[in-house]
């Protein structure tokens, strides 16, 4: 898989250090609040597991899965494939997301959860890619791991065609890999 990577954008060590820092911030911000931490599947799994271990207060966990994709192509229409099972009315909720790029899925997720009447609703994203933000998206992440340039990134949970999620770093995928549409490593 490494041969499909043009360059490493964020090393394993950089990610670990930033997650520890975010963990301290979130622990302080949610002390005494018993938050519900909602992970947005699938890309968040690696970040979610590491982040959760750094939040040093009692919290409840849940997941949701939304999609606008059919294969590798976005349909543009958001669909809740799996909703949270926790009643969040009156609860403090933290959305954990792998990447905030166009804002389409995160905006949909945010408003979907907001309709369930939480006491508060905040967003923590590992990666923020503001250059890709769709016009009209006003949503902002409350906690950001890294702001990155507009490059095609994979690893640490992020994928291309369901591959590369297991890389321990965030890397820029070689253009020829996603233009051809297959992993050279396969």
Foldseek 3Di string as FASTA:
>chain_A
DVVQFPWFPWALVLLLVLLLVVLVVQLVVCPPQQEEEEEEDDLCVLVVVSNVVSNPHHHHYWYWYKAQDDQQDGVLDIDTPGDTPDQQAQGAYEYEYAECAQPSVVVVVQVVVVVSHHPYYAYEYAEYADVRHHPPDPDDHPHYSYYDYPAAKAECRRDRSPPRPPHSGIGGGDPVCVVVPHDPVD
